[in-house]
Amino acid sequence: MDPQSMPVTQRVKALVKALNGAKRTNEALARCSDGEQMLDVLLDASAKLGLGLTREQLANTPPIRDWVWWKNKEALLTIGDNKPRYQQDGGQGRRKPDAETERADGEQPRRRFFGLF
């Protein structure tokens, strides 16, 4: 069966399965500084396997979409004062505070949310 005739999700699954145990590719992915470099490595791997995946397909299909998100440290969902929903990032993903709104300890003042309940 021609891999390019398969649906995108199956081709991404095939790529992920091929990456399992691929030492050089996994090391290259670990050395990437951002998600764009990861996509370049994954595009090369896709081409070598004959899967014919595009950058957009890789960037929008899980689990690769989630890998790119994690590498970029960009929260998909933010709550309140632009803090990531899950705090594993250690404060990354937040906006830089303006000089006039910055408190003495370097933090922005918290905004209050009174909810809908």
Protein backbone atom coordinates (compact mmCIF):
# COMPACT_ATOMS: atom_id res chain seq x y z
CA MET A 1 0.00 0.00 0.00
CA ASP A 2 1.26 3.46 -0.91
CA PRO A 3 1.87 5.43 2.32
CA GLN A 4 0.85 8.71 0.67
CA SER A 5 -2.64 7.36 0.04
CA MET A 6 -3.21 6.80 3.77
CA PRO A 7 -4.98 9.44 5.90
CA VAL A 8 -2.76 12.01 7.61
CA THR A 9 -3.33 10.56 11.09
CA GLN A 10 -2.16 7.11 9.98
CA ARG A 11 0.92 8.57 8.31
CA VAL A 12 1.77 10.50 11.50
CA LYS A 13 1.30 7.29 13.52
CA ALA A 14 3.68 5.52 11.13
CA LEU A 15 6.24 8.31 11.58
CA VAL A 16 5.97 8.16 15.38
CA LYS A 17 6.34 4.37 15.28
CA ALA A 18 9.43 4.71 13.08
CA LEU A 19 10.93 7.24 15.51
CA ASN A 20 10.69 4.73 18.36
CA GLY A 21 14.25 3.48 18.72
CA ALA A 22 15.71 5.76 16.01
CA LYS A 23 18.65 6.98 18.09
CA ARG A 24 20.08 9.57 15.68
CA THR A 25 16.71 11.15 14.89
CA ASN A 26 15.75 11.31 18.56
CA GLU A 27 19.09 12.93 19.42
CA ALA A 28 18.54 15.47 16.63
CA LEU A 29 15.07 16.23 17.99
CA ALA A 30 16.48 16.70 21.49
CA ARG A 31 19.10 19.17 20.20
CA CYS A 32 16.48 21.37 18.51
CA SER A 33 16.09 24.76 20.17
CA ASP A 34 12.49 25.34 19.05
CA GLY A 35 9.52 23.70 17.38
CA GLU A 36 10.44 24.91 13.90
CA GLN A 37 13.72 23.03 14.00
CA MET A 38 11.84 19.96 15.23
CA LEU A 39 9.51 20.22 12.25
CA ASP A 40 12.52 20.35 9.92
CA VAL A 41 13.91 17.12 11.42
CA LEU A 42 10.50 15.45 11.26
CA LEU A 43 10.01 16.55 7.63
CA ASP A 44 13.32 14.93 6.72
CA ALA A 45 12.30 11.73 8.50
CA SER A 46 8.93 11.77 6.74
CA ALA A 47 10.61 12.21 3.36
CA LYS A 48 13.04 9.33 4.01
CA LEU A 49 10.11 7.07 4.91
CA GLY A 50 8.13 8.19 1.85
CA LEU A 51 5.19 9.42 3.96
CA GLY A 52 4.87 12.76 2.14
CA LEU A 53 3.78 14.75 5.20
CA THR A 54 3.81 18.55 4.98
CA ARG A 55 4.92 21.01 7.66
CA GLU A 56 1.29 22.04 8.25
CA GLN A 57 0.14 18.44 8.65
CA LEU A 58 2.88 17.76 11.18
CA ALA A 59 2.23 21.00 13.08
CA ASN A 60 -1.52 20.33 13.34
CA THR A 61 -1.67 16.60 14.07
CA PRO A 62 -1.19 15.08 17.53
CA PRO A 63 1.16 13.92 19.01
CA ILE A 64 3.63 15.95 16.94
CA ARG A 65 1.59 19.11 17.48
CA ASP A 66 1.99 18.57 21.23
CA TRP A 67 5.75 17.95 20.94
CA VAL A 68 6.15 21.24 19.07
CA TRP A 69 4.02 23.03 21.66
CA TRP A 70 6.13 21.64 24.49
CA LYS A 71 9.41 22.57 22.77
CA ASN A 72 8.18 26.14 22.21
CA LYS A 73 6.83 26.36 25.78
CA GLU A 74 3.68 28.02 24.50
CA ALA A 75 0.52 27.29 26.40
CA LEU A 76 -2.45 26.28 24.28
CA LEU A 77 -4.77 27.68 26.94
CA THR A 78 -4.06 30.47 29.40
CA ILE A 79 -6.07 31.55 32.42
CA GLY A 80 -6.00 34.85 34.27
CA ASP A 81 -2.85 36.87 33.85
CA ASN A 82 -1.50 34.83 30.92
CA LYS A 83 -0.04 32.04 33.10
CA PRO A 84 0.12 28.61 31.50
CA ARG A 85 -2.69 26.30 32.56
CA TYR A 86 -0.14 23.80 33.85
CA GLN A 87 2.76 25.30 35.74
CA GLN A 88 5.53 22.94 34.53
CA ASP A 89 6.96 25.82 32.51
CA GLY A 90 8.21 27.63 35.58
CA GLY A 91 6.85 31.01 34.48
CA GLN A 92 7.72 30.74 30.81
CA GLY A 93 5.05 31.79 28.36
CA ARG A 94 4.15 34.91 30.34
CA ARG A 95 4.28 38.38 28.90
CA LYS A 96 7.15 40.65 29.89
CA PRO A 97 5.91 43.18 32.47
CA ASP A 98 5.85 46.85 31.55
CA ALA A 99 7.97 49.16 33.69
CA GLU A 100 4.96 51.14 34.98
CA THR A 101 2.90 48.06 35.97
CA GLU A 102 5.77 46.17 37.56
CA ARG A 103 5.66 45.78 41.35
CA ALA A 104 8.69 46.24 43.56
CA ASP A 105 9.32 42.48 43.66
CA GLY A 106 9.31 42.32 39.85
CA GLU A 107 5.86 40.75 39.44
CA GLN A 108 2.84 42.23 37.72
CA PRO A 109 -0.18 42.94 39.92
CA ARG A 110 -2.64 40.05 39.82
CA ARG A 111 -5.97 40.63 38.14
CA ARG A 112 -9.03 39.42 39.93
CA PHE A 113 -11.57 37.20 38.26
CA PHE A 114 -14.92 37.04 40.00
CA GLY A 115 -16.28 34.10 38.02
CA LEU A 116 -19.66 33.36 36.62
CA PHE A 117 -21.02 31.25 39.46
